[in-house]
Amino acid sequence: MATKEEEFKQRFVAVMQDLQQNGKNDPEAMWLIGSLACEIVEKTGKRNWGEFKRTMAQETYSKLLDDFQKEGNRQHREGDPKKAYAIQVLAISLIAFTQKADPQMVAGDKLLDELVEVTISVYRANREPARPN
């Protein structure tokens, strides 16, 4: 029987393959990843996604994963698979960061962080400025 780490690794690989084959060619999905990651990074006052992950408290990690699960399931139920996908990618990124004992996961996590950073940069460069009230 596979351990939870082995099961996660299989899921991580599947998400990374999907990002490579499909996600990178879906501007809306990439935009959603970037907008959600940017919102999290900016709300926490961090410079980037990697810094956010490295400095978050266990309580933040647990709460965010719980929120991601609830919101991702809701988006899926309500028929918005791209939002659910964006949430899944960021959740996978958070979990991957905890798999430090596995060199392959560390390398994969770094690649995923780089992708998330690109989506944040694109989002920041193209978002509409806030309108004054």
N, C-alpha and C. Protein backbone atom coordinates (compact mmCIF):
# COMPACT_ATOMS: atom_id res chain seq x y z
N MET A 1 0.83 -1.18 0.00
CA MET A 1 0.00 0.00 0.00
C MET A 1 0.88 1.25 0.00
N ALA A 2 0.51 2.22 -0.84
CA ALA A 2 1.29 3.44 -0.98
C ALA A 2 1.12 4.35 0.25
N THR A 3 2.20 5.02 0.62
CA THR A 3 2.12 5.98 1.71
C THR A 3 1.44 7.24 1.21
N LYS A 4 1.04 8.11 2.12
CA LYS A 4 0.41 9.36 1.70
C LYS A 4 1.41 10.22 0.93
N GLU A 5 2.69 10.12 1.24
CA GLU A 5 3.71 10.86 0.51
C GLU A 5 3.83 10.35 -0.93
N GLU A 6 3.79 9.01 -1.09
CA GLU A 6 3.85 8.43 -2.44
C GLU A 6 2.62 8.80 -3.26
N GLU A 7 1.46 8.77 -2.62
CA GLU A 7 0.23 9.15 -3.31
C GLU A 7 0.28 10.62 -3.71
N PHE A 8 0.77 11.46 -2.82
CA PHE A 8 0.88 12.89 -3.16
C PHE A 8 1.85 13.08 -4.31
N LYS A 9 2.96 12.37 -4.28
CA LYS A 9 3.96 12.51 -5.34
C LYS A 9 3.35 12.16 -6.70
N GLN A 10 2.54 11.12 -6.75
CA GLN A 10 1.87 10.74 -7.99
C GLN A 10 0.93 11.86 -8.45
N ARG A 11 0.20 12.42 -7.52
CA ARG A 11 -0.72 13.52 -7.86
C ARG A 11 0.06 14.74 -8.32
N PHE A 12 1.16 15.04 -7.63
CA PHE A 12 2.01 16.16 -8.00
C PHE A 12 2.52 16.00 -9.43
N VAL A 13 3.01 14.82 -9.74
CA VAL A 13 3.52 14.56 -11.08
C VAL A 13 2.41 14.74 -12.12
N ALA A 14 1.21 14.26 -11.81
CA ALA A 14 0.08 14.41 -12.74
C ALA A 14 -0.25 15.88 -12.97
N VAL A 15 -0.24 16.68 -11.92
CA VAL A 15 -0.53 18.11 -12.06
C VAL A 15 0.57 18.80 -12.85
N MET A 16 1.81 18.46 -12.57
CA MET A 16 2.93 19.06 -13.31
C MET A 16 2.86 18.69 -14.80
N GLN A 17 2.53 17.45 -15.10
CA GLN A 17 2.40 17.05 -16.50
C GLN A 17 1.26 17.80 -17.17
N ASP A 18 0.14 17.94 -16.46
CA ASP A 18 -0.98 18.67 -17.02
C ASP A 18 -0.64 20.14 -17.25
N LEU A 19 0.07 20.74 -16.31
CA LEU A 19 0.50 22.13 -16.51
C LEU A 19 1.37 22.25 -17.75
N GLN A 20 2.28 21.30 -17.92
CA GLN A 20 3.18 21.32 -19.07
C GLN A 20 2.43 21.13 -20.38
N GLN A 21 1.50 20.19 -20.40
CA GLN A 21 0.80 19.85 -21.64
C GLN A 21 -0.38 20.77 -21.94
N ASN A 22 -1.10 21.20 -20.92
CA ASN A 22 -2.34 21.94 -21.15
C ASN A 22 -2.36 23.32 -20.49
N GLY A 23 -1.99 23.35 -19.23
CA GLY A 23 -2.13 24.58 -18.46
C GLY A 23 -1.39 25.77 -19.04
N LYS A 24 -0.17 25.57 -19.47
CA LYS A 24 0.61 26.68 -20.01
C LYS A 24 -0.02 27.25 -21.27
N ASN A 25 -0.87 26.48 -21.92
CA ASN A 25 -1.54 26.93 -23.13
C ASN A 25 -2.94 27.48 -22.84
N ASP A 26 -3.26 27.65 -21.59
CA ASP A 26 -4.57 28.15 -21.19
C ASP A 26 -4.37 29.47 -20.44
N PRO A 27 -4.44 30.59 -21.16
CA PRO A 27 -4.18 31.88 -20.52
C PRO A 27 -5.10 32.17 -19.34
N GLU A 28 -6.36 31.76 -19.43
CA GLU A 28 -7.29 32.02 -18.33
C GLU A 28 -6.86 31.28 -17.06
N ALA A 29 -6.49 30.02 -17.19
CA ALA A 29 -6.05 29.24 -16.03
C ALA A 29 -4.78 29.85 -15.43
N MET A 30 -3.85 30.26 -16.27
CA MET A 30 -2.61 30.86 -15.78
C MET A 30 -2.90 32.20 -15.09
N TRP A 31 -3.83 32.97 -15.66
CA TRP A 31 -4.23 34.25 -15.06
C TRP A 31 -4.83 34.02 -13.68
N LEU A 32 -5.68 33.01 -13.56
CA LEU A 32 -6.32 32.71 -12.28
C LEU A 32 -5.30 32.27 -11.23
N ILE A 33 -4.32 31.47 -11.64
CA ILE A 33 -3.25 31.07 -10.72
C ILE A 33 -2.51 32.32 -10.25
N GLY A 34 -2.13 33.17 -11.20
CA GLY A 34 -1.38 34.38 -10.86
C GLY A 34 -2.16 35.34 -9.99
N SER A 35 -3.44 35.51 -10.28
CA SER A 35 -4.23 36.46 -9.49
C SER A 35 -4.42 35.97 -8.06
N LEU A 36 -4.69 34.69 -7.88
CA LEU A 36 -4.88 34.15 -6.54
C LEU A 36 -3.56 34.15 -5.76
N ALA A 37 -2.49 33.73 -6.39
CA ALA A 37 -1.19 33.73 -5.71
C ALA A 37 -0.76 35.15 -5.37
N CYS A 38 -1.00 36.08 -6.27
CA CYS A 38 -0.64 37.48 -6.02
C CYS A 38 -1.44 38.03 -4.84
N GLU A 39 -2.71 37.73 -4.78
CA GLU A 39 -3.55 38.19 -3.68
C GLU A 39 -3.00 37.68 -2.34
N ILE A 40 -2.63 36.42 -2.31
CA ILE A 40 -2.10 35.83 -1.07
C ILE A 40 -0.77 36.48 -0.69
N VAL A 41 0.12 36.61 -1.66
CA VAL A 41 1.43 37.21 -1.41
C VAL A 41 1.29 38.65 -0.92
N GLU A 42 0.45 39.42 -1.58
CA GLU A 42 0.31 40.83 -1.21
C GLU A 42 -0.39 40.99 0.14
N LYS A 43 -1.37 40.16 0.44
CA LYS A 43 -2.05 40.25 1.74
C LYS A 43 -1.10 39.94 2.90
N THR A 44 -0.11 39.11 2.64
CA THR A 44 0.81 38.72 3.70
C THR A 44 2.08 39.59 3.71
N GLY A 45 2.18 40.52 2.77
CA GLY A 45 3.32 41.42 2.74
C GLY A 45 4.62 40.78 2.30
N LYS A 46 4.54 39.67 1.61
CA LYS A 46 5.75 38.98 1.15
C LYS A 46 6.12 39.46 -0.25
N ARG A 47 7.36 39.21 -0.65
CA ARG A 47 7.83 39.65 -1.96
C ARG A 47 7.37 38.72 -3.08
N ASN A 48 7.29 37.42 -2.76
CA ASN A 48 6.95 36.45 -3.80
C ASN A 48 6.37 35.19 -3.19
N TRP A 49 5.94 34.28 -4.04
CA TRP A 49 5.31 33.03 -3.60
C TRP A 49 6.26 32.18 -2.77
N GLY A 50 7.49 32.07 -3.20
CA GLY A 50 8.47 31.26 -2.46
C GLY A 50 8.71 31.79 -1.06
N GLU A 51 8.83 33.11 -0.93
CA GLU A 51 9.02 33.70 0.40
C GLU A 51 7.78 33.44 1.26
N PHE A 52 6.61 33.57 0.67
CA PHE A 52 5.39 33.30 1.43
C PHE A 52 5.42 31.87 1.98
N LYS A 53 5.74 30.90 1.13
CA LYS A 53 5.76 29.51 1.56
C LYS A 53 6.81 29.26 2.65
N ARG A 54 7.99 29.84 2.48
CA ARG A 54 9.08 29.62 3.44
C ARG A 54 8.79 30.23 4.81
N THR A 55 8.00 31.28 4.85
CA THR A 55 7.82 32.01 6.11
C THR A 55 6.45 31.80 6.77
N MET A 56 5.57 31.07 6.14
CA MET A 56 4.23 30.93 6.73
C MET A 56 4.26 30.01 7.94
N ALA A 57 3.43 30.34 8.90
CA ALA A 57 3.29 29.54 10.11
C ALA A 57 2.47 28.29 9.81
N GLN A 58 2.63 27.28 10.64
CA GLN A 58 1.87 26.04 10.48
C GLN A 58 0.36 26.32 10.49
N GLU A 59 -0.07 27.23 11.33
CA GLU A 59 -1.48 27.58 11.41
C GLU A 59 -1.98 28.15 10.07
N THR A 60 -1.17 29.00 9.46
CA THR A 60 -1.51 29.58 8.16
C THR A 60 -1.60 28.48 7.10
N TYR A 61 -0.63 27.60 7.11
CA TYR A 61 -0.60 26.48 6.17
C TYR A 61 -1.88 25.64 6.29
N SER A 62 -2.23 25.26 7.50
CA SER A 62 -3.41 24.42 7.72
C SER A 62 -4.69 25.14 7.30
N LYS A 63 -4.81 26.40 7.67
CA LYS A 63 -6.02 27.18 7.33
C LYS A 63 -6.13 27.36 5.82
N LEU A 64 -5.03 27.68 5.18
CA LEU A 64 -5.06 27.91 3.74
C LEU A 64 -5.40 26.63 2.99
N LEU A 65 -4.83 25.50 3.40
CA LEU A 65 -5.17 24.24 2.75
C LEU A 65 -6.64 23.90 2.93
N ASP A 66 -7.17 24.14 4.11
CA ASP A 66 -8.59 23.91 4.37
C ASP A 66 -9.44 24.82 3.49
N ASP A 67 -9.08 26.11 3.41
CA ASP A 67 -9.80 27.05 2.56
C ASP A 67 -9.73 26.64 1.09
N PHE A 68 -8.53 26.23 0.66
CA PHE A 68 -8.37 25.78 -0.73
C PHE A 68 -9.27 24.58 -1.02
N GLN A 69 -9.32 23.64 -0.10
CA GLN A 69 -10.16 22.45 -0.32
C GLN A 69 -11.63 22.84 -0.44
N LYS A 70 -12.11 23.65 0.49
CA LYS A 70 -13.52 24.07 0.47
C LYS A 70 -13.85 24.87 -0.78
N GLU A 71 -13.01 25.86 -1.09
CA GLU A 71 -13.28 26.72 -2.24
C GLU A 71 -13.11 25.97 -3.55
N GLY A 72 -12.10 25.12 -3.64
CA GLY A 72 -11.90 24.33 -4.85
C GLY A 72 -13.08 23.41 -5.12
N ASN A 73 -13.56 22.76 -4.07
CA ASN A 73 -14.74 21.90 -4.22
C ASN A 73 -15.96 22.70 -4.63
N ARG A 74 -16.12 23.90 -4.05
CA ARG A 74 -17.26 24.75 -4.39
C ARG A 74 -17.19 25.19 -5.85
N GLN A 75 -16.01 25.60 -6.28
CA GLN A 75 -15.85 26.03 -7.67
C GLN A 75 -16.15 24.88 -8.63
N HIS A 76 -15.70 23.70 -8.28
CA HIS A 76 -15.95 22.53 -9.11
C HIS A 76 -17.45 22.24 -9.19
N ARG A 77 -18.12 22.24 -8.03
CA ARG A 77 -19.57 21.99 -7.97
C ARG A 77 -20.34 23.02 -8.78
N GLU A 78 -19.88 24.27 -8.72
CA GLU A 78 -20.59 25.35 -9.40
C GLU A 78 -20.21 25.47 -10.87
N GLY A 79 -19.40 24.55 -11.35
CA GLY A 79 -19.09 24.50 -12.77
C GLY A 79 -18.00 25.45 -13.24
N ASP A 80 -17.06 25.78 -12.38
CA ASP A 80 -15.94 26.62 -12.79
C ASP A 80 -14.64 25.85 -12.60
N PRO A 81 -14.38 24.92 -13.53
CA PRO A 81 -13.20 24.06 -13.38
C PRO A 81 -11.87 24.81 -13.44
N LYS A 82 -11.82 25.94 -14.11
CA LYS A 82 -10.54 26.66 -14.19
C LYS A 82 -10.17 27.29 -12.85
N LYS A 83 -11.16 27.81 -12.13
CA LYS A 83 -10.87 28.34 -10.80
C LYS A 83 -10.48 27.20 -9.86
N ALA A 84 -11.18 26.08 -9.97
CA ALA A 84 -10.84 24.92 -9.15
C ALA A 84 -9.42 24.45 -9.47
N TYR A 85 -9.05 24.48 -10.74
CA TYR A 85 -7.72 24.08 -11.17
C TYR A 85 -6.65 25.00 -10.58
N ALA A 86 -6.89 26.31 -10.63
CA ALA A 86 -5.93 27.27 -10.08
C ALA A 86 -5.72 27.03 -8.59
N ILE A 87 -6.81 26.78 -7.89
CA ILE A 87 -6.73 26.51 -6.45
C ILE A 87 -5.95 25.22 -6.21
N GLN A 88 -6.22 24.20 -7.02
CA GLN A 88 -5.51 22.93 -6.88
C GLN A 88 -4.01 23.10 -7.08
N VAL A 89 -3.62 23.87 -8.08
CA VAL A 89 -2.20 24.08 -8.35
C VAL A 89 -1.51 24.73 -7.14
N LEU A 90 -2.14 25.74 -6.56
CA LEU A 90 -1.53 26.41 -5.42
C LEU A 90 -1.53 25.52 -4.18
N ALA A 91 -2.56 24.72 -4.01
CA ALA A 91 -2.58 23.77 -2.88
C ALA A 91 -1.46 22.75 -3.03
N ILE A 92 -1.30 22.24 -4.23
CA ILE A 92 -0.22 21.27 -4.51
C ILE A 92 1.14 21.91 -4.21
N SER A 93 1.27 23.17 -4.57
CA SER A 93 2.53 23.88 -4.31
C SER A 93 2.81 23.98 -2.82
N LEU A 94 1.78 24.28 -2.04
CA LEU A 94 1.97 24.37 -0.58
C LEU A 94 2.41 23.03 0.00
N ILE A 95 1.74 21.97 -0.41
CA ILE A 95 2.05 20.64 0.11
C ILE A 95 3.43 20.19 -0.33
N ALA A 96 3.77 20.44 -1.59
CA ALA A 96 5.07 20.02 -2.11
C ALA A 96 6.21 20.60 -1.29
N PHE A 97 6.03 21.82 -0.81
CA PHE A 97 7.07 22.47 0.00
C PHE A 97 7.38 21.69 1.26
N THR A 98 6.44 20.91 1.76
CA THR A 98 6.65 20.15 3.00
C THR A 98 7.39 18.83 2.75
N GLN A 99 7.62 18.47 1.51
CA GLN A 99 8.23 17.18 1.17
C GLN A 99 9.74 17.30 0.99
N LYS A 100 10.40 17.92 1.94
CA LYS A 100 11.83 18.23 1.84
C LYS A 100 12.75 17.00 1.87
N ALA A 101 12.24 15.87 2.32
CA ALA A 101 13.07 14.67 2.40
C ALA A 101 13.25 14.00 1.03
N ASP A 102 12.46 14.41 0.06
CA ASP A 102 12.49 13.79 -1.27
C ASP A 102 13.10 14.77 -2.27
N PRO A 103 14.32 14.49 -2.75
CA PRO A 103 15.00 15.41 -3.67
C PRO A 103 14.20 15.69 -4.95
N GLN A 104 13.47 14.71 -5.43
CA GLN A 104 12.65 14.92 -6.62
C GLN A 104 11.53 15.92 -6.34
N MET A 105 10.94 15.82 -5.16
CA MET A 105 9.87 16.76 -4.80
C MET A 105 10.43 18.16 -4.60
N VAL A 106 11.61 18.26 -4.04
CA VAL A 106 12.24 19.57 -3.86
C VAL A 106 12.47 20.22 -5.22
N ALA A 107 12.96 19.45 -6.18
CA ALA A 107 13.20 19.97 -7.53
C ALA A 107 11.87 20.34 -8.21
N GLY A 108 10.88 19.50 -8.06
CA GLY A 108 9.57 19.78 -8.65
C GLY A 108 8.93 21.00 -8.03
N ASP A 109 9.07 21.14 -6.72
CA ASP A 109 8.52 22.30 -6.02
C ASP A 109 9.17 23.58 -6.54
N LYS A 110 10.46 23.54 -6.78
CA LYS A 110 11.17 24.71 -7.31
C LYS A 110 10.63 25.09 -8.68
N LEU A 111 10.42 24.09 -9.53
CA LEU A 111 9.87 24.36 -10.87
C LEU A 111 8.47 24.96 -10.78
N LEU A 112 7.65 24.41 -9.89
CA LEU A 112 6.30 24.92 -9.74
C LEU A 112 6.32 26.35 -9.19
N ASP A 113 7.21 26.62 -8.25
CA ASP A 113 7.33 28.00 -7.74
C ASP A 113 7.70 28.96 -8.86
N GLU A 114 8.60 28.54 -9.74
CA GLU A 114 8.99 29.40 -10.86
C GLU A 114 7.79 29.69 -11.76
N LEU A 115 6.98 28.68 -12.02
CA LEU A 115 5.79 28.87 -12.84
C LEU A 115 4.81 29.83 -12.15
N VAL A 116 4.60 29.64 -10.86
CA VAL A 116 3.69 30.52 -10.11
C VAL A 116 4.22 31.95 -10.15
N GLU A 117 5.52 32.13 -10.01
CA GLU A 117 6.10 33.48 -10.07
C GLU A 117 5.86 34.13 -11.42
N VAL A 118 5.97 33.37 -12.49
CA VAL A 118 5.69 33.91 -13.83
C VAL A 118 4.24 34.36 -13.92
N THR A 119 3.32 33.54 -13.41
CA THR A 119 1.91 33.91 -13.49
C THR A 119 1.63 35.16 -12.64
N ILE A 120 2.29 35.30 -11.50
CA ILE A 120 2.14 36.50 -10.69
C ILE A 120 2.66 37.72 -11.45
N SER A 121 3.82 37.59 -12.07
CA SER A 121 4.40 38.71 -12.83
C SER A 121 3.49 39.15 -13.97
N VAL A 122 2.95 38.20 -14.69
CA VAL A 122 2.03 38.53 -15.79
C VAL A 122 0.78 39.20 -15.24
N TYR A 123 0.26 38.67 -14.15
CA TYR A 123 -0.93 39.27 -13.55
C TYR A 123 -0.64 40.71 -13.12
N ARG A 124 0.46 40.93 -12.42
CA ARG A 124 0.79 42.28 -11.93
C ARG A 124 0.99 43.26 -13.09
N ALA A 125 1.58 42.80 -14.16
CA ALA A 125 1.85 43.67 -15.30
C ALA A 125 0.59 44.04 -16.08
N ASN A 126 -0.48 43.24 -15.91
CA ASN A 126 -1.66 43.44 -16.74
C ASN A 126 -2.95 43.70 -15.98
N ARG A 127 -2.91 43.68 -14.66
CA ARG A 127 -4.16 43.92 -13.92
C ARG A 127 -4.54 45.39 -14.03
N GLU A 128 -5.83 45.61 -13.89
CA GLU A 128 -6.31 46.98 -13.93
C GLU A 128 -6.02 47.63 -12.58
N PRO A 129 -5.61 48.89 -12.61
CA PRO A 129 -5.37 49.57 -11.33
C PRO A 129 -6.69 49.74 -10.57
N ALA A 130 -6.58 49.77 -9.27
CA ALA A 130 -7.77 49.96 -8.43
C ALA A 130 -8.36 51.34 -8.71
N ARG A 131 -9.67 51.36 -8.77
CA ARG A 131 -10.35 52.64 -9.00
C ARG A 131 -10.66 53.30 -7.67
N PRO A 132 -10.42 54.60 -7.58
CA PRO A 132 -10.76 55.29 -6.32
C PRO A 132 -12.27 55.32 -6.14
N ASN A 133 -12.70 55.29 -4.89
CA ASN A 133 -14.15 55.33 -4.59
C ASN A 133 -14.68 56.74 -4.67
